[in-house]
Amino acid sequence: MRVQLHGRQRGMGMLSILVVLSLVIFFVTLLFKLGPAYMGFWTIKSVMDDVAGQSTRMNGGGAREIANQIGKRLDINSVSQVTAKDFKIRRTGENLYEVKLDYEQRQHLFFNIDTVLTFAYQVDVKGQ
């Protein structure tokens, strides 16, 4: 038994292949250009979570000691997007500090097109 086809079956044309290929190249370019910025932010976020997860011995330093710990961890992880001075550390209570980071990163894509990535994160750090 043979099934009759009402029309010719055809694959994608050359123009369709070029459009799909162009879209794939565009999104791969976005991935390679923007990926490192997001990976850097995730590293910074994990540094902030590590500092917040460990009770910090203040030794009379308070916010300065928190900034030192963050700075050391950023150096160890080779983070160059931000420094310890970019963090806003504010005392919110007895031995409780709010550590906030809010920054933008500009990334060149191609020709005269740039992107601006905005990152923000906040943790609470308890001191001893």
PDB file of N, CA and C in Angstrom:
ATOM      1  N   MET A   1       0.827  -1.164   0.000  1.00  0.00           N
ATOM      2  CA  MET A   1       0.000   0.000   0.000  1.00  0.00           C
ATOM      3  C   MET A   1       0.885   1.245   0.000  1.00  0.00           C
ATOM      4  N   ARG A   2       0.639   2.129  -0.883  1.00  0.00           N
ATOM      5  CA  ARG A   2       1.461   3.319  -1.053  1.00  0.00           C
ATOM      6  C   ARG A   2       0.627   4.560  -0.740  1.00  0.00           C
ATOM      7  N   VAL A   3       1.234   5.463   0.046  1.00  0.00           N
ATOM      8  CA  VAL A   3       0.545   6.692   0.413  1.00  0.00           C
ATOM      9  C   VAL A   3       0.884   7.746  -0.627  1.00  0.00           C
ATOM     10  N   GLN A   4      -0.124   8.400  -1.130  1.00  0.00           N
ATOM     11  CA  GLN A   4       0.082   9.440  -2.132  1.00  0.00           C
ATOM     12  C   GLN A   4       0.327  10.777  -1.435  1.00  0.00           C
ATOM     13  N   LEU A   5       1.361  11.483  -1.827  1.00  0.00           N
ATOM     14  CA  LEU A   5       1.653  12.806  -1.305  1.00  0.00           C
ATOM     15  C   LEU A   5       1.011  13.837  -2.217  1.00  0.00           C
ATOM     16  N   HIS A   6       0.350  14.808  -1.624  1.00  0.00           N
ATOM     17  CA  HIS A   6      -0.342  15.815  -2.416  1.00  0.00           C
ATOM     18  C   HIS A   6       0.595  16.873  -2.970  1.00  0.00           C
ATOM     19  N   GLY A   7       1.727  17.059  -2.371  1.00  0.00           N
ATOM     20  CA  GLY A   7       2.668  18.068  -2.854  1.00  0.00           C
ATOM     21  C   GLY A   7       4.085  17.536  -2.736  1.00  0.00           C
ATOM     22  N   ARG A   8       4.972  18.307  -3.258  1.00  0.00           N
ATOM     23  CA  ARG A   8       6.379  17.925  -3.159  1.00  0.00           C
ATOM     24  C   ARG A   8       6.900  18.210  -1.765  1.00  0.00           C
ATOM     25  N   GLN A   9       7.618  17.289  -1.198  1.00  0.00           N
ATOM     26  CA  GLN A   9       8.268  17.539   0.084  1.00  0.00           C
ATOM     27  C   GLN A   9       9.624  18.151  -0.201  1.00  0.00           C
ATOM     28  N   ARG A  10       9.916  19.231   0.535  1.00  0.00           N
ATOM     29  CA  ARG A  10      11.200  19.884   0.326  1.00  0.00           C
ATOM     30  C   ARG A  10      11.787  20.226   1.684  1.00  0.00           C
ATOM     31  N   GLY A  11      13.085  20.313   1.723  1.00  0.00           N
ATOM     32  CA  GLY A  11      13.780  20.715   2.946  1.00  0.00           C
ATOM     33  C   GLY A  11      13.873  22.225   3.024  1.00  0.00           C
ATOM     34  N   MET A  12      14.708  22.680   3.903  1.00  0.00           N
ATOM     35  CA  MET A  12      14.906  24.122   4.051  1.00  0.00           C
ATOM     36  C   MET A  12      15.646  24.659   2.841  1.00  0.00           C
ATOM     37  N   GLY A  13      15.274  25.842   2.437  1.00  0.00           N
ATOM     38  CA  GLY A  13      15.969  26.490   1.334  1.00  0.00           C
ATOM     39  C   GLY A  13      17.254  27.141   1.820  1.00  0.00           C
ATOM     40  N   MET A  14      18.027  27.629   0.890  1.00  0.00           N
ATOM     41  CA  MET A  14      19.313  28.242   1.225  1.00  0.00           C
ATOM     42  C   MET A  14      19.128  29.475   2.101  1.00  0.00           C
ATOM     43  N   LEU A  15      18.115  30.287   1.813  1.00  0.00           N
ATOM     44  CA  LEU A  15      17.867  31.476   2.617  1.00  0.00           C
ATOM     45  C   LEU A  15      17.501  31.106   4.055  1.00  0.00           C
ATOM     46  N   SER A  16      16.685  30.088   4.226  1.00  0.00           N
ATOM     47  CA  SER A  16      16.307  29.642   5.572  1.00  0.00           C
ATOM     48  C   SER A  16      17.518  29.133   6.345  1.00  0.00           C
ATOM     49  N   ILE A  17      18.383  28.412   5.678  1.00  0.00           N
ATOM     50  CA  ILE A  17      19.603  27.909   6.324  1.00  0.00           C
ATOM     51  C   ILE A  17      20.481  29.073   6.771  1.00  0.00           C
ATOM     52  N   LEU A  18      20.614  30.098   5.927  1.00  0.00           N
ATOM     53  CA  LEU A  18      21.423  31.263   6.289  1.00  0.00           C
ATOM     54  C   LEU A  18      20.826  32.020   7.474  1.00  0.00           C
ATOM     55  N   VAL A  19      19.507  32.144   7.526  1.00  0.00           N
ATOM     56  CA  VAL A  19      18.858  32.829   8.642  1.00  0.00           C
ATOM     57  C   VAL A  19      19.087  32.057   9.940  1.00  0.00           C
ATOM     58  N   VAL A  20      18.891  30.756   9.913  1.00  0.00           N
ATOM     59  CA  VAL A  20      19.094  29.936  11.108  1.00  0.00           C
ATOM     60  C   VAL A  20      20.553  29.983  11.545  1.00  0.00           C
ATOM     61  N   LEU A  21      21.471  29.885  10.606  1.00  0.00           N
ATOM     62  CA  LEU A  21      22.896  29.938  10.920  1.00  0.00           C
ATOM     63  C   LEU A  21      23.280  31.295  11.511  1.00  0.00           C
ATOM     64  N   SER A  22      22.717  32.366  10.972  1.00  0.00           N
ATOM     65  CA  SER A  22      22.990  33.707  11.510  1.00  0.00           C
ATOM     66  C   SER A  22      22.486  33.842  12.944  1.00  0.00           C
ATOM     67  N   LEU A  23      21.306  33.321  13.223  1.00  0.00           N
ATOM     68  CA  LEU A  23      20.767  33.371  14.584  1.00  0.00           C
ATOM     69  C   LEU A  23      21.617  32.565  15.559  1.00  0.00           C
ATOM     70  N   VAL A  24      22.056  31.400  15.130  1.00  0.00           N
ATOM     71  CA  VAL A  24      22.914  30.572  15.985  1.00  0.00           C
ATOM     72  C   VAL A  24      24.221  31.299  16.284  1.00  0.00           C
ATOM     73  N   ILE A  25      24.831  31.889  15.270  1.00  0.00           N
ATOM     74  CA  ILE A  25      26.090  32.624  15.461  1.00  0.00           C
ATOM     75  C   ILE A  25      25.874  33.814  16.389  1.00  0.00           C
ATOM     76  N   PHE A  26      24.765  34.518  16.238  1.00  0.00           N
ATOM     77  CA  PHE A  26      24.463  35.665  17.094  1.00  0.00           C
ATOM     78  C   PHE A  26      24.365  35.254  18.561  1.00  0.00           C
ATOM     79  N   PHE A  27      23.613  34.184  18.849  1.00  0.00           N
ATOM     80  CA  PHE A  27      23.431  33.770  20.238  1.00  0.00           C
ATOM     81  C   PHE A  27      24.696  33.162  20.833  1.00  0.00           C
ATOM     82  N   VAL A  28      25.497  32.499  20.034  1.00  0.00           N
ATOM     83  CA  VAL A  28      26.783  31.990  20.526  1.00  0.00           C
ATOM     84  C   VAL A  28      27.715  33.157  20.848  1.00  0.00           C
ATOM     85  N   THR A  29      27.697  34.202  20.015  1.00  0.00           N
ATOM     86  CA  THR A  29      28.495  35.399  20.294  1.00  0.00           C
ATOM     87  C   THR A  29      28.053  36.043  21.605  1.00  0.00           C
ATOM     88  N   LEU A  30      26.741  36.146  21.824  1.00  0.00           N
ATOM     89  CA  LEU A  30      26.239  36.679  23.093  1.00  0.00           C
ATOM     90  C   LEU A  30      26.727  35.847  24.273  1.00  0.00           C
ATOM     91  N   LEU A  31      26.680  34.547  24.120  1.00  0.00           N
ATOM     92  CA  LEU A  31      27.123  33.658  25.193  1.00  0.00           C
ATOM     93  C   LEU A  31      28.593  33.882  25.529  1.00  0.00           C
ATOM     94  N   PHE A  32      29.440  33.963  24.512  1.00  0.00           N
ATOM     95  CA  PHE A  32      30.872  34.140  24.750  1.00  0.00           C
ATOM     96  C   PHE A  32      31.209  35.534  25.276  1.00  0.00           C
ATOM     97  N   LYS A  33      30.465  36.541  24.879  1.00  0.00           N
ATOM     98  CA  LYS A  33      30.752  37.904  25.324  1.00  0.00           C
ATOM     99  C   LYS A  33      30.188  38.192  26.717  1.00  0.00           C
ATOM    100  N   LEU A  34      28.972  37.714  27.004  1.00  0.00           N
ATOM    101  CA  LEU A  34      28.316  38.035  28.266  1.00  0.00           C
ATOM    102  C   LEU A  34      28.529  36.981  29.347  1.00  0.00           C
ATOM    103  N   GLY A  35      28.885  35.784  28.953  1.00  0.00           N
ATOM    104  CA  GLY A  35      29.088  34.694  29.910  1.00  0.00           C
ATOM    105  C   GLY A  35      30.102  35.002  30.996  1.00  0.00           C
ATOM    106  N   PRO A  36      31.295  35.513  30.655  1.00  0.00           N
ATOM    107  CA  PRO A  36      32.283  35.806  31.705  1.00  0.00           C
ATOM    108  C   PRO A  36      31.805  36.842  32.726  1.00  0.00           C
ATOM    109  N   ALA A  37      31.008  37.807  32.305  1.00  0.00           N
ATOM    110  CA  ALA A  37      30.492  38.806  33.249  1.00  0.00           C
ATOM    111  C   ALA A  37      29.556  38.150  34.260  1.00  0.00           C
ATOM    112  N   TYR A  38      28.697  37.247  33.785  1.00  0.00           N
ATOM    113  CA  TYR A  38      27.792  36.558  34.695  1.00  0.00           C
ATOM    114  C   TYR A  38      28.545  35.585  35.595  1.00  0.00           C
ATOM    115  N   MET A  39      29.554  34.918  35.067  1.00  0.00           N
ATOM    116  CA  MET A  39      30.344  34.014  35.904  1.00  0.00           C
ATOM    117  C   MET A  39      31.086  34.793  36.986  1.00  0.00           C
ATOM    118  N   GLY A  40      31.579  35.979  36.650  1.00  0.00           N
ATOM    119  CA  GLY A  40      32.222  36.828  37.649  1.00  0.00           C
ATOM    120  C   GLY A  40      31.249  37.239  38.740  1.00  0.00           C
ATOM    121  N   PHE A  41      30.023  37.581  38.354  1.00  0.00           N
ATOM    122  CA  PHE A  41      29.018  37.955  39.352  1.00  0.00           C
ATOM    123  C   PHE A  41      28.682  36.782  40.257  1.00  0.00           C
ATOM    124  N   TRP A  42      28.560  35.582  39.681  1.00  0.00           N
ATOM    125  CA  TRP A  42      28.265  34.412  40.506  1.00  0.00           C
ATOM    126  C   TRP A  42      29.401  34.127  41.483  1.00  0.00           C
ATOM    127  N   THR A  43      30.639  34.394  41.078  1.00  0.00           N
ATOM    128  CA  THR A  43      31.773  34.237  41.986  1.00  0.00           C
ATOM    129  C   THR A  43      31.689  35.262  43.113  1.00  0.00           C
ATOM    130  N   ILE A  44      31.384  36.513  42.775  1.00  0.00           N
ATOM    131  CA  ILE A  44      31.240  37.562  43.789  1.00  0.00           C
ATOM    132  C   ILE A  44      30.106  37.214  44.751  1.00  0.00           C
ATOM    133  N   LYS A  45      29.018  36.704  44.213  1.00  0.00           N
ATOM    134  CA  LYS A  45      27.876  36.321  45.034  1.00  0.00           C
ATOM    135  C   LYS A  45      28.259  35.210  46.011  1.00  0.00           C
ATOM    136  N   SER A  46      29.036  34.232  45.544  1.00  0.00           N
ATOM    137  CA  SER A  46      29.455  33.147  46.435  1.00  0.00           C
ATOM    138  C   SER A  46      30.424  33.653  47.501  1.00  0.00           C
ATOM    139  N   VAL A  47      31.271  34.628  47.165  1.00  0.00           N
ATOM    140  CA  VAL A  47      32.165  35.233  48.160  1.00  0.00           C
ATOM    141  C   VAL A  47      31.336  35.918  49.243  1.00  0.00           C
ATOM    142  N   MET A  48      30.329  36.664  48.835  1.00  0.00           N
ATOM    143  CA  MET A  48      29.480  37.354  49.807  1.00  0.00           C
ATOM    144  C   MET A  48      28.726  36.354  50.682  1.00  0.00           C
ATOM    145  N   ASP A  49      28.238  35.271  50.081  1.00  0.00           N
ATOM    146  CA  ASP A  49      27.538  34.245  50.853  1.00  0.00           C
ATOM    147  C   ASP A  49      28.481  33.553  51.834  1.00  0.00           C
ATOM    148  N   ASP A  50      29.733  33.305  51.417  1.00  0.00           N
ATOM    149  CA  ASP A  50      30.718  32.688  52.311  1.00  0.00           C
ATOM    150  C   ASP A  50      31.001  33.579  53.514  1.00  0.00           C
ATOM    151  N   VAL A  51      31.181  34.862  53.272  1.00  0.00           N
ATOM    152  CA  VAL A  51      31.447  35.795  54.370  1.00  0.00           C
ATOM    153  C   VAL A  51      30.234  35.864  55.297  1.00  0.00           C
ATOM    154  N   ALA A  52      29.033  35.861  54.727  1.00  0.00           N
ATOM    155  CA  ALA A  52      27.822  35.922  55.547  1.00  0.00           C
ATOM    156  C   ALA A  52      27.604  34.621  56.318  1.00  0.00           C
ATOM    157  N   GLY A  53      28.031  33.500  55.743  1.00  0.00           N
ATOM    158  CA  GLY A  53      27.832  32.206  56.384  1.00  0.00           C
ATOM    159  C   GLY A  53      28.761  31.956  57.556  1.00  0.00           C
ATOM    160  N   GLN A  54      29.888  32.602  57.576  1.00  0.00           N
ATOM    161  CA  GLN A  54      30.847  32.422  58.661  1.00  0.00           C
ATOM    162  C   GLN A  54      30.742  33.605  59.606  1.00  0.00           C
ATOM    163  N   SER A  55      30.597  33.303  60.876  1.00  0.00           N
ATOM    164  CA  SER A  55      30.572  34.390  61.859  1.00  0.00           C
ATOM    165  C   SER A  55      31.920  35.085  61.833  1.00  0.00           C
ATOM    166  N   THR A  56      31.892  36.372  61.704  1.00  0.00           N
ATOM    167  CA  THR A  56      33.115  37.153  61.564  1.00  0.00           C
ATOM    168  C   THR A  56      33.572  37.656  62.923  1.00  0.00           C
ATOM    169  N   ARG A  57      34.807  37.387  63.249  1.00  0.00           N
ATOM    170  CA  ARG A  57      35.384  37.962  64.472  1.00  0.00           C
ATOM    171  C   ARG A  57      35.766  39.394  64.155  1.00  0.00           C
ATOM    172  N   MET A  58      35.140  40.302  64.833  1.00  0.00           N
ATOM    173  CA  MET A  58      35.321  41.711  64.502  1.00  0.00           C
ATOM    174  C   MET A  58      36.650  42.266  64.988  1.00  0.00           C
ATOM    175  N   ASN A  59      37.128  41.816  66.129  1.00  0.00           N
ATOM    176  CA  ASN A  59      38.385  42.321  66.688  1.00  0.00           C
ATOM    177  C   ASN A  59      38.411  43.843  66.692  1.00  0.00           C
ATOM    178  N   GLY A  60      37.281  44.448  66.941  1.00  0.00           N
ATOM    179  CA  GLY A  60      37.215  45.900  66.959  1.00  0.00           C
ATOM    180  C   GLY A  60      37.185  46.519  65.575  1.00  0.00           C
ATOM    181  N   GLY A  61      37.224  45.697  64.530  1.00  0.00           N
ATOM    182  CA  GLY A  61      37.283  46.221  63.171  1.00  0.00           C
ATOM    183  C   GLY A  61      35.931  46.479  62.557  1.00  0.00           C
ATOM    184  N   GLY A  62      34.965  45.615  62.839  1.00  0.00           N
ATOM    185  CA  GLY A  62      33.623  45.777  62.308  1.00  0.00           C
ATOM    186  C   GLY A  62      33.580  45.739  60.797  1.00  0.00           C
ATOM    187  N   ALA A  63      33.114  46.815  60.199  1.00  0.00           N
ATOM    188  CA  ALA A  63      32.959  46.890  58.746  1.00  0.00           C
ATOM    189  C   ALA A  63      34.302  46.749  58.040  1.00  0.00           C
ATOM    190  N   ARG A  64      35.353  47.264  58.651  1.00  0.00           N
ATOM    191  CA  ARG A  64      36.689  47.169  58.049  1.00  0.00           C
ATOM    192  C   ARG A  64      37.137  45.704  57.949  1.00  0.00           C
ATOM    193  N   GLU A  65      36.846  44.929  58.984  1.00  0.00           N
ATOM    194  CA  GLU A  65      37.215  43.506  58.978  1.00  0.00           C
ATOM    195  C   GLU A  65      36.421  42.748  57.914  1.00  0.00           C
ATOM    196  N   ILE A  66      35.153  43.064  57.760  1.00  0.00           N
ATOM    197  CA  ILE A  66      34.333  42.430  56.720  1.00  0.00           C
ATOM    198  C   ILE A  66      34.894  42.771  55.343  1.00  0.00           C
ATOM    199  N   ALA A  67      35.238  44.030  55.123  1.00  0.00           N
ATOM    200  CA  ALA A  67      35.815  44.446  53.837  1.00  0.00           C
ATOM    201  C   ALA A  67      37.141  43.741  53.582  1.00  0.00           C
ATOM    202  N   ASN A  68      37.962  43.556  54.619  1.00  0.00           N
ATOM    203  CA  ASN A  68      39.232  42.837  54.455  1.00  0.00           C
ATOM    204  C   ASN A  68      38.999  41.392  54.048  1.00  0.00           C
ATOM    205  N   GLN A  69      38.037  40.733  54.689  1.00  0.00           N
ATOM    206  CA  GLN A  69      37.741  39.343  54.343  1.00  0.00           C
ATOM    207  C   GLN A  69      37.218  39.228  52.914  1.00  0.00           C
ATOM    208  N   ILE A  70      36.355  40.140  52.528  1.00  0.00           N
ATOM    209  CA  ILE A  70      35.841  40.129  51.154  1.00  0.00           C
ATOM    210  C   ILE A  70      36.979  40.369  50.172  1.00  0.00           C
ATOM    211  N   GLY A  71      37.841  41.343  50.462  1.00  0.00           N
ATOM    212  CA  GLY A  71      38.969  41.641  49.581  1.00  0.00           C
ATOM    213  C   GLY A  71      39.902  40.459  49.404  1.00  0.00           C
ATOM    214  N   LYS A  72      40.195  39.745  50.488  1.00  0.00           N
ATOM    215  CA  LYS A  72      41.067  38.564  50.396  1.00  0.00           C
ATOM    216  C   LYS A  72      40.437  37.486  49.525  1.00  0.00           C
ATOM    217  N   ARG A  73      39.144  37.260  49.717  1.00  0.00           N
ATOM    218  CA  ARG A  73      38.470  36.226  48.925  1.00  0.00           C
ATOM    219  C   ARG A  73      38.370  36.621  47.445  1.00  0.00           C
ATOM    220  N   LEU A  74      38.190  37.904  47.178  1.00  0.00           N
ATOM    221  CA  LEU A  74      38.167  38.357  45.783  1.00  0.00           C
ATOM    222  C   LEU A  74      39.533  38.153  45.132  1.00  0.00           C
ATOM    223  N   ASP A  75      40.613  38.420  45.878  1.00  0.00           N
ATOM    224  CA  ASP A  75      41.961  38.193  45.348  1.00  0.00           C
ATOM    225  C   ASP A  75      42.207  36.721  45.069  1.00  0.00           C
ATOM    226  N   ILE A  76      41.795  35.854  45.986  1.00  0.00           N
ATOM    227  CA  ILE A  76      41.996  34.414  45.819  1.00  0.00           C
ATOM    228  C   ILE A  76      41.264  33.915  44.582  1.00  0.00           C
ATOM    229  N   ASN A  77      40.056  34.429  44.342  1.00  0.00           N
ATOM    230  CA  ASN A  77      39.247  33.986  43.204  1.00  0.00           C
ATOM    231  C   ASN A  77      39.536  34.761  41.922  1.00  0.00           C
ATOM    232  N   SER A  78      40.522  35.644  41.945  1.00  0.00           N
ATOM    233  CA  SER A  78      40.929  36.433  40.769  1.00  0.00           C
ATOM    234  C   SER A  78      39.773  37.228  40.170  1.00  0.00           C
ATOM    235  N   VAL A  79      39.008  37.869  41.024  1.00  0.00           N
ATOM    236  CA  VAL A  79      37.898  38.707  40.569  1.00  0.00           C
ATOM    237  C   VAL A  79      38.433  40.110  40.322  1.00  0.00           C
ATOM    238  N   SER A  80      38.244  40.604  39.106  1.00  0.00           N
ATOM    239  CA  SER A  80      38.765  41.929  38.768  1.00  0.00           C
ATOM    240  C   SER A  80      37.658  42.954  38.490  1.00  0.00           C
ATOM    241  N   GLN A  81      36.401  42.524  38.459  1.00  0.00           N
ATOM    242  CA  GLN A  81      35.302  43.449  38.167  1.00  0.00           C
ATOM    243  C   GLN A  81      35.106  44.471  39.279  1.00  0.00           C
ATOM    244  N   VAL A  82      35.273  44.045  40.527  1.00  0.00           N
ATOM    245  CA  VAL A  82      35.046  44.920  41.673  1.00  0.00           C
ATOM    246  C   VAL A  82      36.188  44.766  42.667  1.00  0.00           C
ATOM    247  N   THR A  83      36.296  45.729  43.575  1.00  0.00           N
ATOM    248  CA  THR A  83      37.253  45.646  44.675  1.00  0.00           C
ATOM    249  C   THR A  83      36.472  45.735  45.986  1.00  0.00           C
ATOM    250  N   ALA A  84      37.162  45.560  47.080  1.00  0.00           N
ATOM    251  CA  ALA A  84      36.501  45.621  48.389  1.00  0.00           C
ATOM    252  C   ALA A  84      35.908  47.004  48.645  1.00  0.00           C
ATOM    253  N   LYS A  85      36.444  48.036  48.010  1.00  0.00           N
ATOM    254  CA  LYS A  85      35.932  49.397  48.201  1.00  0.00           C
ATOM    255  C   LYS A  85      34.562  49.602  47.550  1.00  0.00           C
ATOM    256  N   ASP A  86      34.189  48.732  46.615  1.00  0.00           N
ATOM    257  CA  ASP A  86      32.905  48.863  45.926  1.00  0.00           C
ATOM    258  C   ASP A  86      31.724  48.370  46.764  1.00  0.00           C
ATOM    259  N   PHE A  87      32.008  47.657  47.847  1.00  0.00           N
ATOM    260  CA  PHE A  87      30.956  47.127  48.706  1.00  0.00           C
ATOM    261  C   PHE A  87      30.516  48.196  49.695  1.00  0.00           C
ATOM    262  N   LYS A  88      29.214  48.295  49.894  1.00  0.00           N
ATOM    263  CA  LYS A  88      28.674  49.216  50.893  1.00  0.00           C
ATOM    264  C   LYS A  88      28.347  48.389  52.137  1.00  0.00           C
ATOM    265  N   ILE A  89      29.038  48.689  53.225  1.00  0.00           N
ATOM    266  CA  ILE A  89      28.850  47.943  54.468  1.00  0.00           C
ATOM    267  C   ILE A  89      28.252  48.896  55.492  1.00  0.00           C
ATOM    268  N   ARG A  90      27.086  48.507  56.011  1.00  0.00           N
ATOM    269  CA  ARG A  90      26.351  49.381  56.921  1.00  0.00           C
ATOM    270  C   ARG A  90      25.941  48.583  58.152  1.00  0.00           C
ATOM    271  N   ARG A  91      26.155  49.172  59.300  1.00  0.00           N
ATOM    272  CA  ARG A  91      25.765  48.520  60.549  1.00  0.00           C
ATOM    273  C   ARG A  91      24.257  48.664  60.724  1.00  0.00           C
ATOM    274  N   THR A  92      23.569  47.531  60.950  1.00  0.00           N
ATOM    275  CA  THR A  92      22.117  47.563  61.092  1.00  0.00           C
ATOM    276  C   THR A  92      21.659  47.188  62.492  1.00  0.00           C
ATOM    277  N   GLY A  93      22.563  46.694  63.309  1.00  0.00           N
ATOM    278  CA  GLY A  93      22.196  46.308  64.672  1.00  0.00           C
ATOM    279  C   GLY A  93      23.440  45.919  65.443  1.00  0.00           C
ATOM    280  N   GLU A  94      23.220  45.384  66.625  1.00  0.00           N
ATOM    281  CA  GLU A  94      24.329  44.923  67.456  1.00  0.00           C
ATOM    282  C   GLU A  94      24.981  43.719  66.778  1.00  0.00           C
ATOM    283  N   ASN A  95      26.215  43.893  66.352  1.00  0.00           N
ATOM    284  CA  ASN A  95      26.977  42.843  65.660  1.00  0.00           C
ATOM    285  C   ASN A  95      26.277  42.351  64.398  1.00  0.00           C
ATOM    286  N   LEU A  96      25.547  43.199  63.722  1.00  0.00           N
ATOM    287  CA  LEU A  96      24.880  42.829  62.476  1.00  0.00           C
ATOM    288  C   LEU A  96      25.171  43.903  61.430  1.00  0.00           C
ATOM    289  N   TYR A  97      25.640  43.452  60.271  1.00  0.00           N
ATOM    290  CA  TYR A  97      26.020  44.365  59.197  1.00  0.00           C
ATOM    291  C   TYR A  97      25.333  43.951  57.904  1.00  0.00           C
ATOM    292  N   GLU A  98      24.968  44.945  57.122  1.00  0.00           N
ATOM    293  CA  GLU A  98      24.389  44.718  55.801  1.00  0.00           C
ATOM    294  C   GLU A  98      25.481  45.002  54.768  1.00  0.00           C
ATOM    295  N   VAL A  99      25.778  44.000  53.950  1.00  0.00           N
ATOM    296  CA  VAL A  99      26.796  44.144  52.908  1.00  0.00           C
ATOM    297  C   VAL A  99      26.070  44.164  51.572  1.00  0.00           C
ATOM    298  N   LYS A 100      26.241  45.250  50.840  1.00  0.00           N
ATOM    299  CA  LYS A 100      25.507  45.441  49.589  1.00  0.00           C
ATOM    300  C   LYS A 100      26.484  45.759  48.463  1.00  0.00           C
ATOM    301  N   LEU A 101      26.225  45.177  47.318  1.00  0.00           N
ATOM    302  CA  LEU A 101      27.023  45.460  46.126  1.00  0.00           C
ATOM    303  C   LEU A 101      26.070  45.761  44.983  1.00  0.00           C
ATOM    304  N   ASP A 102      26.337  46.852  44.289  1.00  0.00           N
ATOM    305  CA  ASP A 102      25.519  47.272  43.153  1.00  0.00           C
ATOM    306  C   ASP A 102      26.474  47.867  42.126  1.00  0.00           C
ATOM    307  N   TYR A 103      26.628  47.201  40.976  1.00  0.00           N
ATOM    308  CA  TYR A 103      27.567  47.709  39.980  1.00  0.00           C
ATOM    309  C   TYR A 103      27.078  47.403  38.571  1.00  0.00           C
ATOM    310  N   GLU A 104      27.640  48.127  37.620  1.00  0.00           N
ATOM    311  CA  GLU A 104      27.345  47.931  36.204  1.00  0.00           C
ATOM    312  C   GLU A 104      28.619  47.542  35.485  1.00  0.00           C
ATOM    313  N   GLN A 105      28.457  46.739  34.462  1.00  0.00           N
ATOM    314  CA  GLN A 105      29.601  46.346  33.650  1.00  0.00           C
ATOM    315  C   GLN A 105      29.234  46.532  32.179  1.00  0.00           C
ATOM    316  N   ARG A 106      30.062  47.251  31.463  1.00  0.00           N
ATOM    317  CA  ARG A 106      29.833  47.494  30.038  1.00  0.00           C
ATOM    318  C   ARG A 106      30.634  46.471  29.241  1.00  0.00           C
ATOM    319  N   GLN A 107      29.972  45.846  28.263  1.00  0.00           N
ATOM    320  CA  GLN A 107      30.627  44.825  27.449  1.00  0.00           C
ATOM    321  C   GLN A 107      30.408  45.141  25.971  1.00  0.00           C
ATOM    322  N   HIS A 108      31.491  45.196  25.224  1.00  0.00           N
ATOM    323  CA  HIS A 108      31.408  45.440  23.781  1.00  0.00           C
ATOM    324  C   HIS A 108      30.973  44.154  23.082  1.00  0.00           C
ATOM    325  N   LEU A 109      29.970  44.243  22.216  1.00  0.00           N
ATOM    326  CA  LEU A 109      29.520  43.073  21.462  1.00  0.00           C
ATOM    327  C   LEU A 109      30.174  43.031  20.084  1.00  0.00           C
ATOM    328  N   PHE A 110      29.783  43.950  19.223  1.00  0.00           N
ATOM    329  CA  PHE A 110      30.369  44.038  17.891  1.00  0.00           C
ATOM    330  C   PHE A 110      30.026  45.394  17.296  1.00  0.00           C
ATOM    331  N   PHE A 111      30.828  45.817  16.344  1.00  0.00           N
ATOM    332  CA  PHE A 111      30.688  47.130  15.708  1.00  0.00           C
ATOM    333  C   PHE A 111      30.569  48.217  16.778  1.00  0.00           C
ATOM    334  N   ASN A 112      29.489  48.983  16.756  1.00  0.00           N
ATOM    335  CA  ASN A 112      29.314  50.034  17.759  1.00  0.00           C
ATOM    336  C   ASN A 112      28.218  49.677  18.761  1.00  0.00           C
ATOM    337  N   ILE A 113      28.022  48.397  18.983  1.00  0.00           N
ATOM    338  CA  ILE A 113      26.975  47.926  19.886  1.00  0.00           C
ATOM    339  C   ILE A 113      27.609  47.403  21.172  1.00  0.00           C
ATOM    340  N   ASP A 114      27.212  48.013  22.289  1.00  0.00           N
ATOM    341  CA  ASP A 114      27.662  47.594  23.609  1.00  0.00           C
ATOM    342  C   ASP A 114      26.444  47.199  24.437  1.00  0.00           C
ATOM    343  N   THR A 115      26.687  46.410  25.475  1.00  0.00           N
ATOM    344  CA  THR A 115      25.633  46.100  26.434  1.00  0.00           C
ATOM    345  C   THR A 115      26.065  46.617  27.798  1.00  0.00           C
ATOM    346  N   VAL A 116      25.102  46.969  28.608  1.00  0.00           N
ATOM    347  CA  VAL A 116      25.369  47.357  29.984  1.00  0.00           C
ATOM    348  C   VAL A 116      24.656  46.347  30.876  1.00  0.00           C
ATOM    349  N   LEU A 117      25.434  45.622  31.661  1.00  0.00           N
ATOM    350  CA  LEU A 117      24.897  44.616  32.567  1.00  0.00           C
ATOM    351  C   LEU A 117      24.865  45.216  33.968  1.00  0.00           C
ATOM    352  N   THR A 118      23.742  45.113  34.640  1.00  0.00           N
ATOM    353  CA  THR A 118      23.580  45.652  35.983  1.00  0.00           C
ATOM    354  C   THR A 118      23.450  44.494  36.963  1.00  0.00           C
ATOM    355  N   PHE A 119      24.290  44.515  38.003  1.00  0.00           N
ATOM    356  CA  PHE A 119      24.282  43.458  39.005  1.00  0.00           C
ATOM    357  C   PHE A 119      24.071  44.071  40.384  1.00  0.00           C
ATOM    358  N   ALA A 120      23.297  43.397  41.226  1.00  0.00           N
ATOM    359  CA  ALA A 120      23.067  43.842  42.599  1.00  0.00           C
ATOM    360  C   ALA A 120      22.860  42.615  43.479  1.00  0.00           C
ATOM    361  N   TYR A 121      23.429  42.676  44.689  1.00  0.00           N
ATOM    362  CA  TYR A 121      23.263  41.581  45.647  1.00  0.00           C
ATOM    363  C   TYR A 121      23.499  42.122  47.048  1.00  0.00           C
ATOM    364  N   GLN A 122      22.857  41.503  48.026  1.00  0.00           N
ATOM    365  CA  GLN A 122      22.956  41.972  49.407  1.00  0.00           C
ATOM    366  C   GLN A 122      22.905  40.779  50.355  1.00  0.00           C
ATOM    367  N   VAL A 123      23.736  40.818  51.403  1.00  0.00           N
ATOM    368  CA  VAL A 123      23.717  39.798  52.450  1.00  0.00           C
ATOM    369  C   VAL A 123      23.822  40.489  53.809  1.00  0.00           C
ATOM    370  N   ASP A 124      23.406  39.770  54.839  1.00  0.00           N
ATOM    371  CA  ASP A 124      23.572  40.235  56.215  1.00  0.00           C
ATOM    372  C   ASP A 124      24.668  39.412  56.866  1.00  0.00           C
ATOM    373  N   VAL A 125      25.597  40.082  57.532  1.00  0.00           N
ATOM    374  CA  VAL A 125      26.739  39.423  58.166  1.00  0.00           C
ATOM    375  C   VAL A 125      26.640  39.635  59.663  1.00  0.00           C
ATOM    376  N   LYS A 126      26.749  38.521  60.408  1.00  0.00           N
ATOM    377  CA  LYS A 126      26.748  38.603  61.868  1.00  0.00           C
ATOM    378  C   LYS A 126      28.179  38.576  62.364  1.00  0.00           C
ATOM    379  N   GLY A 127      28.461  39.401  63.322  1.00  0.00           N
ATOM    380  CA  GLY A 127      29.769  39.406  63.957  1.00  0.00           C
ATOM    381  C   GLY A 127      29.700  38.699  65.293  1.00  0.00           C
ATOM    382  N   GLN A 128      30.870  38.434  65.869  1.00  0.00           N
ATOM    383  CA  GLN A 128      30.904  37.787  67.186  1.00  0.00           C
ATOM    384  C   GLN A 128      31.296  38.779  68.235  1.00  0.00           C
TER     385      GLN A 128
END
